[in-house]
């Protein structure tokens, strides 16, 4: 019985860390994609920031906010 309690406590303490790790991994992956996209646009047009690039960054920020919100809702026990 005590082993089960220790397991539950450890899992409860690690859940926020696991959630933040998932969001951080997503952020790192999208950062790598963003860097590649920026370099491609620089080679293609010679400009640093174009309208398409700004639009793409906005989509990434929306995606990250949604991923974070869903992970916090999953922690609370529901998705919506």
PDB file of N, CA and C in Angstrom:
ATOM      1  N   UNK A   1       0.804  -1.207   0.000  1.00  0.00           N
ATOM      2  CA  UNK A   1       0.000   0.000   0.000  1.00  0.00           C
ATOM      3  C   UNK A   1       0.848   1.273   0.000  1.00  0.00           C
ATOM      4  N   UNK A   2       1.946   1.277   0.768  1.00  0.00           N
ATOM      5  CA  UNK A   2       2.765   2.480   0.840  1.00  0.00           C
ATOM      6  C   UNK A   2       3.472   2.753  -0.477  1.00  0.00           C
ATOM      7  N   UNK A   3       3.838   1.690  -1.193  1.00  0.00           N
ATOM      8  CA  UNK A   3       4.500   1.876  -2.483  1.00  0.00           C
ATOM      9  C   UNK A   3       3.566   2.594  -3.441  1.00  0.00           C
ATOM     10  N   UNK A   4       2.296   2.235  -3.437  1.00  0.00           N
ATOM     11  CA  UNK A   4       1.316   2.890  -4.299  1.00  0.00           C
ATOM     12  C   UNK A   4       1.181   4.368  -3.984  1.00  0.00           C
ATOM     13  N   UNK A   5       1.196   4.709  -2.705  1.00  0.00           N
ATOM     14  CA  UNK A   5       1.098   6.117  -2.301  1.00  0.00           C
ATOM     15  C   UNK A   5       2.321   6.904  -2.758  1.00  0.00           C
ATOM     16  N   UNK A   6       3.501   6.292  -2.611  1.00  0.00           N
ATOM     17  CA  UNK A   6       4.721   6.967  -3.049  1.00  0.00           C
ATOM     18  C   UNK A   6       4.712   7.170  -4.555  1.00  0.00           C
ATOM     19  N   UNK A   7       4.222   6.168  -5.284  1.00  0.00           N
ATOM     20  CA  UNK A   7       4.144   6.267  -6.741  1.00  0.00           C
ATOM     21  C   UNK A   7       3.202   7.397  -7.147  1.00  0.00           C
ATOM     22  N   UNK A   8       2.039   7.450  -6.501  1.00  0.00           N
ATOM     23  CA  UNK A   8       1.067   8.498  -6.827  1.00  0.00           C
ATOM     24  C   UNK A   8       1.623   9.887  -6.525  1.00  0.00           C
ATOM     25  N   UNK A   9       2.319  10.010  -5.387  1.00  0.00           N
ATOM     26  CA  UNK A   9       2.905  11.295  -5.022  1.00  0.00           C
ATOM     27  C   UNK A   9       3.977  11.708  -6.029  1.00  0.00           C
ATOM     28  N   UNK A  10       4.841  10.760  -6.396  1.00  0.00           N
ATOM     29  CA  UNK A  10       5.894  11.067  -7.371  1.00  0.00           C
ATOM     30  C   UNK A  10       5.283  11.473  -8.702  1.00  0.00           C
ATOM     31  N   UNK A  11       4.254  10.761  -9.128  1.00  0.00           N
ATOM     32  CA  UNK A  11       3.595  11.083 -10.399  1.00  0.00           C
ATOM     33  C   UNK A  11       2.952  12.469 -10.344  1.00  0.00           C
ATOM     34  N   UNK A  12       2.320  12.775  -9.220  1.00  0.00           N
ATOM     35  CA  UNK A  12       1.675  14.080  -9.062  1.00  0.00           C
ATOM     36  C   UNK A  12       2.702  15.209  -9.113  1.00  0.00           C
ATOM     37  N   UNK A  13       3.855  14.989  -8.499  1.00  0.00           N
ATOM     38  CA  UNK A  13       4.897  16.014  -8.495  1.00  0.00           C
ATOM     39  C   UNK A  13       5.561  16.168  -9.862  1.00  0.00           C
ATOM     40  N   UNK A  14       5.633  15.079 -10.621  1.00  0.00           N
ATOM     41  CA  UNK A  14       6.312  15.127 -11.914  1.00  0.00           C
ATOM     42  C   UNK A  14       5.415  15.604 -13.054  1.00  0.00           C
ATOM     43  N   UNK A  15       4.095  15.555 -12.891  1.00  0.00           N
ATOM     44  CA  UNK A  15       3.186  15.917 -13.985  1.00  0.00           C
ATOM     45  C   UNK A  15       3.422  17.321 -14.542  1.00  0.00           C
ATOM     46  N   UNK A  16       3.522  18.365 -13.698  1.00  0.00           N
ATOM     47  CA  UNK A  16       3.771  19.704 -14.263  1.00  0.00           C
ATOM     48  C   UNK A  16       5.091  19.776 -15.018  1.00  0.00           C
ATOM     49  N   UNK A  17       6.097  19.074 -14.510  1.00  0.00           N
ATOM     50  CA  UNK A  17       7.392  19.060 -15.182  1.00  0.00           C
ATOM     51  C   UNK A  17       7.289  18.385 -16.546  1.00  0.00           C
ATOM     52  N   UNK A  18       6.569  17.265 -16.605  1.00  0.00           N
ATOM     53  CA  UNK A  18       6.394  16.557 -17.875  1.00  0.00           C
ATOM     54  C   UNK A  18       5.629  17.430 -18.862  1.00  0.00           C
ATOM     55  N   UNK A  19       4.606  18.131 -18.371  1.00  0.00           N
ATOM     56  CA  UNK A  19       3.810  18.985 -19.253  1.00  0.00           C
ATOM     57  C   UNK A  19       4.664  20.113 -19.817  1.00  0.00           C
ATOM     58  N   UNK A  20       5.452  20.756 -18.963  1.00  0.00           N
ATOM     59  CA  UNK A  20       6.275  21.861 -19.445  1.00  0.00           C
ATOM     60  C   UNK A  20       7.349  21.358 -20.398  1.00  0.00           C
ATOM     61  N   UNK A  21       7.845  20.135 -20.180  1.00  0.00           N
ATOM     62  CA  UNK A  21       8.830  19.556 -21.087  1.00  0.00           C
ATOM     63  C   UNK A  21       8.223  19.337 -22.458  1.00  0.00           C
ATOM     64  N   UNK A  22       6.977  18.869 -22.508  1.00  0.00           N
ATOM     65  CA  UNK A  22       6.307  18.649 -23.789  1.00  0.00           C
ATOM     66  C   UNK A  22       6.154  19.960 -24.545  1.00  0.00           C
ATOM     67  N   UNK A  23       5.709  21.001 -23.861  1.00  0.00           N
ATOM     68  CA  UNK A  23       5.546  22.302 -24.506  1.00  0.00           C
ATOM     69  C   UNK A  23       6.900  22.843 -24.951  1.00  0.00           C
ATOM     70  N   UNK A  24       7.940  22.665 -24.125  1.00  0.00           N
ATOM     71  CA  UNK A  24       9.272  23.134 -24.493  1.00  0.00           C
ATOM     72  C   UNK A  24       9.808  22.406 -25.717  1.00  0.00           C
ATOM     73  N   UNK A  25       9.585  21.091 -25.799  1.00  0.00           N
ATOM     74  CA  UNK A  25      10.034  20.333 -26.966  1.00  0.00           C
ATOM     75  C   UNK A  25       9.344  20.846 -28.222  1.00  0.00           C
ATOM     76  N   UNK A  26       8.041  21.097 -28.114  1.00  0.00           N
ATOM     77  CA  UNK A  26       7.297  21.634 -29.253  1.00  0.00           C
ATOM     78  C   UNK A  26       7.856  22.988 -29.648  1.00  0.00           C
ATOM     79  N   UNK A  27       8.151  23.818 -28.670  1.00  0.00           N
ATOM     80  CA  UNK A  27       8.694  25.141 -28.928  1.00  0.00           C
ATOM     81  C   UNK A  27      10.052  25.057 -29.619  1.00  0.00           C
ATOM     82  N   UNK A  28      10.904  24.139 -29.163  1.00  0.00           N
ATOM     83  CA  UNK A  28      12.232  23.983 -29.773  1.00  0.00           C
ATOM     84  C   UNK A  28      12.097  23.525 -31.216  1.00  0.00           C
ATOM     85  N   UNK A  29      11.229  22.545 -31.463  1.00  0.00           N
ATOM     86  CA  UNK A  29      11.035  22.045 -32.828  1.00  0.00           C
ATOM     87  C   UNK A  29      10.540  23.159 -33.745  1.00  0.00           C
ATOM     88  N   UNK A  30       9.574  23.935 -33.266  1.00  0.00           N
ATOM     89  CA  UNK A  30       9.047  25.021 -34.089  1.00  0.00           C
ATOM     90  C   UNK A  30      10.085  26.120 -34.277  1.00  0.00           C
ATOM     91  N   UNK A  31      10.932  26.334 -33.277  1.00  0.00           N
ATOM     92  CA  UNK A  31      12.017  27.308 -33.416  1.00  0.00           C
ATOM     93  C   UNK A  31      12.988  26.905 -34.505  1.00  0.00           C
ATOM     94  N   UNK A  32      13.304  25.611 -34.579  1.00  0.00           N
ATOM     95  CA  UNK A  32      14.191  25.107 -35.630  1.00  0.00           C
ATOM     96  C   UNK A  32      13.549  25.303 -36.996  1.00  0.00           C
ATOM     97  N   UNK A  33      12.256  24.990 -37.093  1.00  0.00           N
ATOM     98  CA  UNK A  33      11.547  25.187 -38.364  1.00  0.00           C
ATOM     99  C   UNK A  33      11.510  26.661 -38.747  1.00  0.00           C
ATOM    100  N   UNK A  34      11.280  27.521 -37.767  1.00  0.00           N
ATOM    101  CA  UNK A  34      11.220  28.958 -38.024  1.00  0.00           C
ATOM    102  C   UNK A  34      12.553  29.478 -38.538  1.00  0.00           C
ATOM    103  N   UNK A  35      13.662  29.014 -37.941  1.00  0.00           N
ATOM    104  CA  UNK A  35      14.989  29.448 -38.378  1.00  0.00           C
ATOM    105  C   UNK A  35      15.251  29.029 -39.824  1.00  0.00           C
ATOM    106  N   UNK A  36      14.890  27.799 -40.158  1.00  0.00           N
ATOM    107  CA  UNK A  36      15.060  27.338 -41.540  1.00  0.00           C
ATOM    108  C   UNK A  36      14.223  28.151 -42.509  1.00  0.00           C
ATOM    109  N   UNK A  37      13.004  28.455 -42.116  1.00  0.00           N
ATOM    110  CA  UNK A  37      12.109  29.256 -42.964  1.00  0.00           C
ATOM    111  C   UNK A  37      12.689  30.664 -43.166  1.00  0.00           C
ATOM    112  N   UNK A  38      13.204  31.260 -42.088  1.00  0.00           N
ATOM    113  CA  UNK A  38      13.768  32.608 -42.185  1.00  0.00           C
ATOM    114  C   UNK A  38      14.961  32.628 -43.134  1.00  0.00           C
ATOM    115  N   UNK A  39      15.834  31.637 -43.005  1.00  0.00           N
ATOM    116  CA  UNK A  39      17.003  31.572 -43.887  1.00  0.00           C
ATOM    117  C   UNK A  39      16.595  31.373 -45.339  1.00  0.00           C
ATOM    118  N   UNK A  40      15.591  30.548 -45.558  1.00  0.00           N
ATOM    119  CA  UNK A  40      15.102  30.327 -46.920  1.00  0.00           C
ATOM    120  C   UNK A  40      14.576  31.630 -47.517  1.00  0.00           C
ATOM    121  N   UNK A  41      13.806  32.372 -46.743  1.00  0.00           N
ATOM    122  CA  UNK A  41      13.255  33.631 -47.244  1.00  0.00           C
ATOM    123  C   UNK A  41      14.352  34.658 -47.502  1.00  0.00           C
ATOM    124  N   UNK A  42      15.400  34.657 -46.666  1.00  0.00           N
ATOM    125  CA  UNK A  42      16.511  35.584 -46.898  1.00  0.00           C
ATOM    126  C   UNK A  42      17.202  35.272 -48.217  1.00  0.00           C
ATOM    127  N   UNK A  43      17.421  34.005 -48.497  1.00  0.00           N
ATOM    128  CA  UNK A  43      18.064  33.619 -49.758  1.00  0.00           C
ATOM    129  C   UNK A  43      17.161  33.932 -50.946  1.00  0.00           C
ATOM    130  N   UNK A  44      15.867  33.710 -50.760  1.00  0.00           N
ATOM    131  CA  UNK A  44      14.928  33.859 -51.863  1.00  0.00           C
ATOM    132  C   UNK A  44      14.709  35.325 -52.237  1.00  0.00           C
ATOM    133  N   UNK A  45      14.482  36.169 -51.261  1.00  0.00           N
ATOM    134  CA  UNK A  45      14.072  37.539 -51.577  1.00  0.00           C
ATOM    135  C   UNK A  45      15.098  38.598 -51.185  1.00  0.00           C
ATOM    136  N   UNK A  46      16.073  38.241 -50.362  1.00  0.00           N
ATOM    137  CA  UNK A  46      17.052  39.221 -49.924  1.00  0.00           C
ATOM    138  C   UNK A  46      16.557  40.095 -48.793  1.00  0.00           C
ATOM    139  N   UNK A  47      15.316  39.925 -48.373  1.00  0.00           N
ATOM    140  CA  UNK A  47      14.770  40.694 -47.255  1.00  0.00           C
ATOM    141  C   UNK A  47      14.796  39.842 -46.000  1.00  0.00           C
ATOM    142  N   UNK A  48      14.891  40.500 -44.874  1.00  0.00           N
ATOM    143  CA  UNK A  48      14.939  39.756 -43.612  1.00  0.00           C
ATOM    144  C   UNK A  48      13.542  39.315 -43.167  1.00  0.00           C
ATOM    145  N   UNK A  49      12.589  40.209 -43.227  1.00  0.00           N
ATOM    146  CA  UNK A  49      11.240  39.869 -42.793  1.00  0.00           C
ATOM    147  C   UNK A  49      10.266  40.222 -43.910  1.00  0.00           C
ATOM    148  N   UNK A  50       9.485  39.267 -44.307  1.00  0.00           N
ATOM    149  CA  UNK A  50       8.461  39.522 -45.314  1.00  0.00           C
ATOM    150  C   UNK A  50       7.092  39.317 -44.680  1.00  0.00           C
ATOM    151  N   UNK A  51       6.087  39.669 -45.420  1.00  0.00           N
ATOM    152  CA  UNK A  51       4.733  39.528 -44.901  1.00  0.00           C
ATOM    153  C   UNK A  51       4.402  38.065 -44.617  1.00  0.00           C
ATOM    154  N   UNK A  52       4.855  37.167 -45.507  1.00  0.00           N
ATOM    155  CA  UNK A  52       4.603  35.742 -45.290  1.00  0.00           C
ATOM    156  C   UNK A  52       5.282  35.248 -44.021  1.00  0.00           C
ATOM    157  N   UNK A  53       6.490  35.716 -43.772  1.00  0.00           N
ATOM    158  CA  UNK A  53       7.230  35.293 -42.590  1.00  0.00           C
ATOM    159  C   UNK A  53       6.521  35.754 -41.316  1.00  0.00           C
ATOM    160  N   UNK A  54       6.035  36.983 -41.315  1.00  0.00           N
ATOM    161  CA  UNK A  54       5.317  37.487 -40.148  1.00  0.00           C
ATOM    162  C   UNK A  54       4.042  36.688 -39.907  1.00  0.00           C
ATOM    163  N   UNK A  55       3.341  36.347 -40.986  1.00  0.00           N
ATOM    164  CA  UNK A  55       2.123  35.547 -40.868  1.00  0.00           C
ATOM    165  C   UNK A  55       2.450  34.174 -40.285  1.00  0.00           C
ATOM    166  N   UNK A  56       3.547  33.577 -40.751  1.00  0.00           N
ATOM    167  CA  UNK A  56       3.955  32.253 -40.281  1.00  0.00           C
ATOM    168  C   UNK A  56       4.292  32.295 -38.795  1.00  0.00           C
ATOM    169  N   UNK A  57       4.982  33.348 -38.342  1.00  0.00           N
ATOM    170  CA  UNK A  57       5.310  33.485 -36.916  1.00  0.00           C
ATOM    171  C   UNK A  57       4.042  33.595 -36.074  1.00  0.00           C
ATOM    172  N   UNK A  58       3.057  34.307 -36.592  1.00  0.00           N
ATOM    173  CA  UNK A  58       1.800  34.442 -35.861  1.00  0.00           C
ATOM    174  C   UNK A  58       1.124  33.083 -35.709  1.00  0.00           C
ATOM    175  N   UNK A  59       1.135  32.281 -36.778  1.00  0.00           N
ATOM    176  CA  UNK A  59       0.544  30.953 -36.710  1.00  0.00           C
ATOM    177  C   UNK A  59       1.262  30.078 -35.682  1.00  0.00           C
ATOM    178  N   UNK A  60       2.582  30.194 -35.608  1.00  0.00           N
ATOM    179  CA  UNK A  60       3.345  29.418 -34.629  1.00  0.00           C
ATOM    180  C   UNK A  60       2.961  29.824 -33.216  1.00  0.00           C
ATOM    181  N   UNK A  61       2.850  31.119 -32.967  1.00  0.00           N
ATOM    182  CA  UNK A  61       2.507  31.559 -31.611  1.00  0.00           C
ATOM    183  C   UNK A  61       1.106  31.085 -31.229  1.00  0.00           C
ATOM    184  N   UNK A  62       0.171  31.094 -32.182  1.00  0.00           N
ATOM    185  CA  UNK A  62      -1.176  30.591 -31.913  1.00  0.00           C
ATOM    186  C   UNK A  62      -1.121  29.107 -31.573  1.00  0.00           C
ATOM    187  N   UNK A  63      -0.329  28.348 -32.343  1.00  0.00           N
ATOM    188  CA  UNK A  63      -0.200  26.915 -32.100  1.00  0.00           C
ATOM    189  C   UNK A  63       0.378  26.637 -30.717  1.00  0.00           C
ATOM    190  N   UNK A  64       1.421  27.376 -30.330  1.00  0.00           N
ATOM    191  CA  UNK A  64       2.036  27.158 -29.018  1.00  0.00           C
ATOM    192  C   UNK A  64       1.075  27.501 -27.880  1.00  0.00           C
ATOM    193  N   UNK A  65       0.323  28.588 -28.040  1.00  0.00           N
ATOM    194  CA  UNK A  65      -0.648  28.947 -27.009  1.00  0.00           C
ATOM    195  C   UNK A  65      -1.711  27.864 -26.869  1.00  0.00           C
ATOM    196  N   UNK A  66      -2.174  27.333 -28.013  1.00  0.00           N
ATOM    197  CA  UNK A  66      -3.190  26.283 -27.994  1.00  0.00           C
ATOM    198  C   UNK A  66      -2.641  25.004 -27.357  1.00  0.00           C
ATOM    199  N   UNK A  67      -1.388  24.654 -27.668  1.00  0.00           N
ATOM    200  CA  UNK A  67      -0.774  23.458 -27.075  1.00  0.00           C
ATOM    201  C   UNK A  67      -0.653  23.622 -25.567  1.00  0.00           C
ATOM    202  N   UNK A  68      -0.250  24.808 -25.122  1.00  0.00           N
ATOM    203  CA  UNK A  68      -0.125  25.052 -23.686  1.00  0.00           C
ATOM    204  C   UNK A  68      -1.488  24.990 -23.008  1.00  0.00           C
ATOM    205  N   UNK A  69      -2.498  25.614 -23.631  1.00  0.00           N
ATOM    206  CA  UNK A  69      -3.838  25.621 -23.052  1.00  0.00           C
ATOM    207  C   UNK A  69      -4.400  24.203 -22.954  1.00  0.00           C
ATOM    208  N   UNK A  70      -4.206  23.402 -24.010  1.00  0.00           N
ATOM    209  CA  UNK A  70      -4.697  22.030 -23.987  1.00  0.00           C
ATOM    210  C   UNK A  70      -3.987  21.202 -22.931  1.00  0.00           C
ATOM    211  N   UNK A  71      -2.695  21.437 -22.739  1.00  0.00           N
ATOM    212  CA  UNK A  71      -1.973  20.664 -21.730  1.00  0.00           C
ATOM    213  C   UNK A  71      -2.444  21.033 -20.326  1.00  0.00           C
ATOM    214  N   UNK A  72      -2.774  22.295 -20.099  1.00  0.00           N
ATOM    215  CA  UNK A  72      -3.271  22.676 -18.774  1.00  0.00           C
ATOM    216  C   UNK A  72      -4.681  22.146 -18.561  1.00  0.00           C
ATOM    217  N   UNK A  73      -5.504  22.131 -19.610  1.00  0.00           N
ATOM    218  CA  UNK A  73      -6.852  21.577 -19.482  1.00  0.00           C
ATOM    219  C   UNK A  73      -6.800  20.074 -19.260  1.00  0.00           C
ATOM    220  N   UNK A  74      -5.856  19.398 -19.922  1.00  0.00           N
ATOM    221  CA  UNK A  74      -5.704  17.955 -19.716  1.00  0.00           C
ATOM    222  C   UNK A  74      -5.310  17.675 -18.274  1.00  0.00           C
ATOM    223  N   UNK A  75      -4.500  18.541 -17.701  1.00  0.00           N
ATOM    224  CA  UNK A  75      -4.102  18.396 -16.298  1.00  0.00           C
ATOM    225  C   UNK A  75      -5.320  18.520 -15.391  1.00  0.00           C
ATOM    226  N   UNK A  76      -6.234  19.414 -15.757  1.00  0.00           N
ATOM    227  CA  UNK A  76      -7.436  19.608 -14.945  1.00  0.00           C
ATOM    228  C   UNK A  76      -8.460  18.505 -15.174  1.00  0.00           C
ATOM    229  N   UNK A  77      -8.287  17.724 -16.233  1.00  0.00           N
ATOM    230  CA  UNK A  77      -9.173  16.582 -16.448  1.00  0.00           C
ATOM    231  C   UNK A  77     -10.162  16.730 -17.583  1.00  0.00           C
ATOM    232  N   UNK A  78     -10.047  17.755 -18.388  1.00  0.00           N
ATOM    233  CA  UNK A  78     -10.955  17.869 -19.520  1.00  0.00           C
ATOM    234  C   UNK A  78     -10.271  18.569 -20.678  1.00  0.00           C
ATOM    235  N   UNK A  79     -10.778  18.325 -21.866  1.00  0.00           N
ATOM    236  CA  UNK A  79     -10.302  19.000 -23.077  1.00  0.00           C
ATOM    237  C   UNK A  79     -11.498  19.640 -23.753  1.00  0.00           C
ATOM    238  N   UNK A  80     -11.266  20.807 -24.374  1.00  0.00           N
ATOM    239  CA  UNK A  80     -12.398  21.430 -25.027  1.00  0.00           C
ATOM    240  C   UNK A  80     -12.022  22.515 -25.944  1.00  0.00           C
TER     241      UNK A  80
END
